[in-house]
PDB file of N, CA and C in Angstrom:
ATOM      1  N   MET A   1     111.935 -37.375 110.715  1.00  0.00           N
ATOM      2  CA  MET A   1     112.838 -36.378 110.429  1.00  0.00           C
ATOM      3  C   MET A   1     112.298 -35.110 109.980  1.00  0.00           C
ATOM      4  N   LEU A   2     112.804 -33.924 110.625  1.00  0.00           N
ATOM      5  CA  LEU A   2     112.263 -32.660 110.100  1.00  0.00           C
ATOM      6  C   LEU A   2     113.287 -31.981 109.291  1.00  0.00           C
ATOM      7  N   ILE A   3     112.612 -31.361 108.282  1.00  0.00           N
ATOM      8  CA  ILE A   3     113.364 -30.752 107.292  1.00  0.00           C
ATOM      9  C   ILE A   3     112.978 -29.144 107.309  1.00  0.00           C
ATOM     10  N   ALA A   4     114.069 -28.412 107.176  1.00  0.00           N
ATOM     11  CA  ALA A   4     113.648 -26.930 107.285  1.00  0.00           C
ATOM     12  C   ALA A   4     114.489 -26.397 105.985  1.00  0.00           C
ATOM     13  N   LYS A   5     113.899 -25.198 105.698  1.00  0.00           N
ATOM     14  CA  LYS A   5     114.427 -24.384 104.711  1.00  0.00           C
ATOM     15  C   LYS A   5     114.304 -22.935 105.169  1.00  0.00           C
ATOM     16  N   LYS A   6     115.481 -22.285 104.965  1.00  0.00           N
ATOM     17  CA  LYS A   6     115.679 -20.901 105.314  1.00  0.00           C
ATOM     18  C   LYS A   6     115.476 -20.071 104.013  1.00  0.00           C
ATOM     19  N   ILE A   7     114.779 -19.127 104.254  1.00  0.00           N
ATOM     20  CA  ILE A   7     114.678 -18.063 103.182  1.00  0.00           C
ATOM     21  C   ILE A   7     114.923 -16.677 103.498  1.00  0.00           C
ATOM     22  N   ARG A   8     115.306 -15.867 102.698  1.00  0.00           N
ATOM     23  CA  ARG A   8     115.696 -14.436 102.928  1.00  0.00           C
ATOM     24  C   ARG A   8     114.622 -13.696 102.229  1.00  0.00           C
ATOM     25  N   LEU A   9     114.075 -12.614 102.952  1.00  0.00           N
ATOM     26  CA  LEU A   9     113.186 -11.638 102.304  1.00  0.00           C
ATOM     27  C   LEU A   9     113.942 -10.398 101.999  1.00  0.00           C
ATOM     28  N   ARG A  10     113.921  -9.906 100.848  1.00  0.00           N
ATOM     29  CA  ARG A  10     114.584  -8.694 100.534  1.00  0.00           C
ATOM     30  C   ARG A  10     113.443  -7.770  99.891  1.00  0.00           C
ATOM     31  N   PRO A  11     112.659  -7.222 100.885  1.00  0.00           N
ATOM     32  CA  PRO A  11     111.641  -6.297 100.323  1.00  0.00           C
ATOM     33  C   PRO A  11     112.165  -4.960  99.957  1.00  0.00           C
ATOM     34  N   THR A  12     111.279  -4.313  99.106  1.00  0.00           N
ATOM     35  CA  THR A  12     111.520  -3.032  98.695  1.00  0.00           C
ATOM     36  C   THR A  12     111.266  -2.001  99.931  1.00  0.00           C
ATOM     37  N   PRO A  13     111.816  -0.940  99.851  1.00  0.00           N
ATOM     38  CA  PRO A  13     111.615   0.087 100.831  1.00  0.00           C
ATOM     39  C   PRO A  13     109.888   0.298 101.112  1.00  0.00           C
ATOM     40  N   GLU A  14     109.062   0.129 100.081  1.00  0.00           N
ATOM     41  CA  GLU A  14     107.715   0.184 100.207  1.00  0.00           C
ATOM     42  C   GLU A  14     107.059  -1.066 100.897  1.00  0.00           C
ATOM     43  N   GLN A  15     107.644  -2.260 100.527  1.00  0.00           N
ATOM     44  CA  GLN A  15     107.168  -3.327 101.120  1.00  0.00           C
ATOM     45  C   GLN A  15     107.548  -3.401 102.606  1.00  0.00           C
ATOM     46  N   GLU A  16     108.661  -2.969 102.960  1.00  0.00           N
ATOM     47  CA  GLU A  16     109.237  -3.011 104.321  1.00  0.00           C
ATOM     48  C   GLU A  16     108.355  -2.072 105.165  1.00  0.00           C
ATOM     49  N   MET A  17     107.966  -0.882 104.555  1.00  0.00           N
ATOM     50  CA  MET A  17     106.919  -0.088 105.270  1.00  0.00           C
ATOM     51  C   MET A  17     105.855  -0.658 105.628  1.00  0.00           C
ATOM     52  N   LEU A  18     105.279  -1.339 104.693  1.00  0.00           N
ATOM     53  CA  LEU A  18     103.975  -2.144 104.785  1.00  0.00           C
ATOM     54  C   LEU A  18     104.160  -3.357 105.828  1.00  0.00           C
ATOM     55  N   PHE A  19     105.229  -4.044 105.882  1.00  0.00           N
ATOM     56  CA  PHE A  19     105.417  -5.121 106.830  1.00  0.00           C
ATOM     57  C   PHE A  19     105.513  -4.315 108.358  1.00  0.00           C
ATOM     58  N   ARG A  20     105.997  -3.338 108.334  1.00  0.00           N
ATOM     59  CA  ARG A  20     106.044  -2.677 109.723  1.00  0.00           C
ATOM     60  C   ARG A  20     104.904  -2.103 110.077  1.00  0.00           C
ATOM     61  N   LYS A  21     103.993  -1.529 109.248  1.00  0.00           N
ATOM     62  CA  LYS A  21     102.651  -1.176 109.560  1.00  0.00           C
ATOM     63  C   LYS A  21     101.672  -2.337 110.075  1.00  0.00           C
ATOM     64  N   SER A  22     101.886  -3.418 109.283  1.00  0.00           N
ATOM     65  CA  SER A  22     100.965  -4.664 109.540  1.00  0.00           C
ATOM     66  C   SER A  22     101.277  -5.208 110.909  1.00  0.00           C
ATOM     67  N   ALA A  23     102.759  -5.147 111.217  1.00  0.00           N
ATOM     68  CA  ALA A  23     103.026  -5.610 112.686  1.00  0.00           C
ATOM     69  C   ALA A  23     102.522  -4.698 113.790  1.00  0.00           C
ATOM     70  N   GLY A  24     102.629  -3.380 113.371  1.00  0.00           N
ATOM     71  CA  GLY A  24     102.048  -2.364 114.462  1.00  0.00           C
ATOM     72  C   GLY A  24     100.598  -2.538 114.625  1.00  0.00           C
ATOM     73  N   VAL A  25      99.729  -2.745 113.482  1.00  0.00           N
ATOM     74  CA  VAL A  25      98.376  -2.944 113.620  1.00  0.00           C
ATOM     75  C   VAL A  25      98.012  -4.204 114.415  1.00  0.00           C
ATOM     76  N   SER A  26      98.667  -5.270 114.320  1.00  0.00           N
ATOM     77  CA  SER A  26      98.456  -6.570 114.915  1.00  0.00           C
ATOM     78  C   SER A  26      98.852  -6.472 116.343  1.00  0.00           C
ATOM     79  N   ARG A  27      99.880  -5.745 116.641  1.00  0.00           N
ATOM     80  CA  ARG A  27     100.219  -5.541 118.041  1.00  0.00           C
ATOM     81  C   ARG A  27      98.982  -4.729 118.671  1.00  0.00           C
ATOM     82  N   TRP A  28      98.690  -3.722 118.115  1.00  0.00           N
ATOM     83  CA  TRP A  28      97.656  -2.865 118.722  1.00  0.00           C
ATOM     84  C   TRP A  28      96.316  -3.714 118.961  1.00  0.00           C
ATOM     85  N   ALA A  29      95.943  -4.596 117.901  1.00  0.00           N
ATOM     86  CA  ALA A  29      94.825  -5.211 118.010  1.00  0.00           C
ATOM     87  C   ALA A  29      94.900  -6.328 119.094  1.00  0.00           C
ATOM     88  N   TYR A  30      96.020  -6.895 119.173  1.00  0.00           N
ATOM     89  CA  TYR A  30      96.286  -8.011 120.271  1.00  0.00           C
ATOM     90  C   TYR A  30      95.983  -7.309 121.784  1.00  0.00           C
ATOM     91  N   ASN A  31      96.735  -6.003 121.844  1.00  0.00           N
ATOM     92  CA  ASN A  31      96.658  -5.436 123.243  1.00  0.00           C
ATOM     93  C   ASN A  31      95.275  -4.914 123.467  1.00  0.00           C
ATOM     94  N   TYR A  32      94.699  -4.475 122.358  1.00  0.00           N
ATOM     95  CA  TYR A  32      93.360  -3.863 122.731  1.00  0.00           C
ATOM     96  C   TYR A  32      92.363  -4.916 123.217  1.00  0.00           C
ATOM     97  N   PHE A  33      92.275  -6.074 122.357  1.00  0.00           N
ATOM     98  CA  PHE A  33      91.306  -7.129 122.829  1.00  0.00           C
ATOM     99  C   PHE A  33      91.870  -7.933 123.996  1.00  0.00           C
ATOM    100  N   LEU A  34      92.940  -7.962 124.446  1.00  0.00           N
ATOM    101  CA  LEU A  34      93.424  -8.396 125.669  1.00  0.00           C
ATOM    102  C   LEU A  34      92.950  -7.494 126.837  1.00  0.00           C
ATOM    103  N   SER A  35      93.031  -6.149 126.664  1.00  0.00           N
ATOM    104  CA  SER A  35      92.535  -5.281 127.629  1.00  0.00           C
ATOM    105  C   SER A  35      90.873  -5.437 127.836  1.00  0.00           C
ATOM    106  N   GLU A  36      90.215  -5.528 126.594  1.00  0.00           N
ATOM    107  CA  GLU A  36      88.776  -5.810 126.666  1.00  0.00           C
ATOM    108  C   GLU A  36      88.513  -7.096 127.306  1.00  0.00           C
ATOM    109  N   ASN A  37      89.214  -8.104 127.204  1.00  0.00           N
ATOM    110  CA  ASN A  37      88.879  -9.320 127.782  1.00  0.00           C
ATOM    111  C   ASN A  37      89.044  -9.291 129.203  1.00  0.00           C
ATOM    112  N   ASN A  38      90.220  -8.514 129.634  1.00  0.00           N
ATOM    113  CA  ASN A  38      90.405  -8.411 131.125  1.00  0.00           C
ATOM    114  C   ASN A  38      89.313  -7.562 131.783  1.00  0.00           C
ATOM    115  N   ARG A  39      88.878  -6.434 130.898  1.00  0.00           N
ATOM    116  CA  ARG A  39      87.921  -5.639 131.483  1.00  0.00           C
ATOM    117  C   ARG A  39      86.475  -6.443 131.729  1.00  0.00           C
ATOM    118  N   VAL A  40      86.293  -7.267 130.778  1.00  0.00           N
ATOM    119  CA  VAL A  40      84.901  -7.908 130.761  1.00  0.00           C
ATOM    120  C   VAL A  40      84.875  -8.979 131.930  1.00  0.00           C
ATOM    121  N   TYR A  41      86.015  -9.687 132.185  1.00  0.00           N
ATOM    122  CA  TYR A  41      86.249 -10.696 133.253  1.00  0.00           C
ATOM    123  C   TYR A  41      86.696 -10.197 134.451  1.00  0.00           C
ATOM    124  N   GLN A  42      86.858  -8.888 134.756  1.00  0.00           N
ATOM    125  CA  GLN A  42      87.140  -8.393 136.115  1.00  0.00           C
ATOM    126  C   GLN A  42      86.015  -8.347 137.228  1.00  0.00           C
ATOM    127  N   ASP A  43      84.783  -8.209 136.421  1.00  0.00           N
ATOM    128  CA  ASP A  43      83.438  -8.237 137.313  1.00  0.00           C
ATOM    129  C   ASP A  43      83.207  -9.600 137.824  1.00  0.00           C
TER     130      ASP A  43
END
């Protein structure tokens, strides 16, 4: 049996800004290293 709990985040405006920045950085890093991987294996 699977049990799940829902939670709700209620960040302050400063915390919300940091969440958004963190998501942007992780998206940039993923795309950067994906392109590097593709570049290395193109040859």
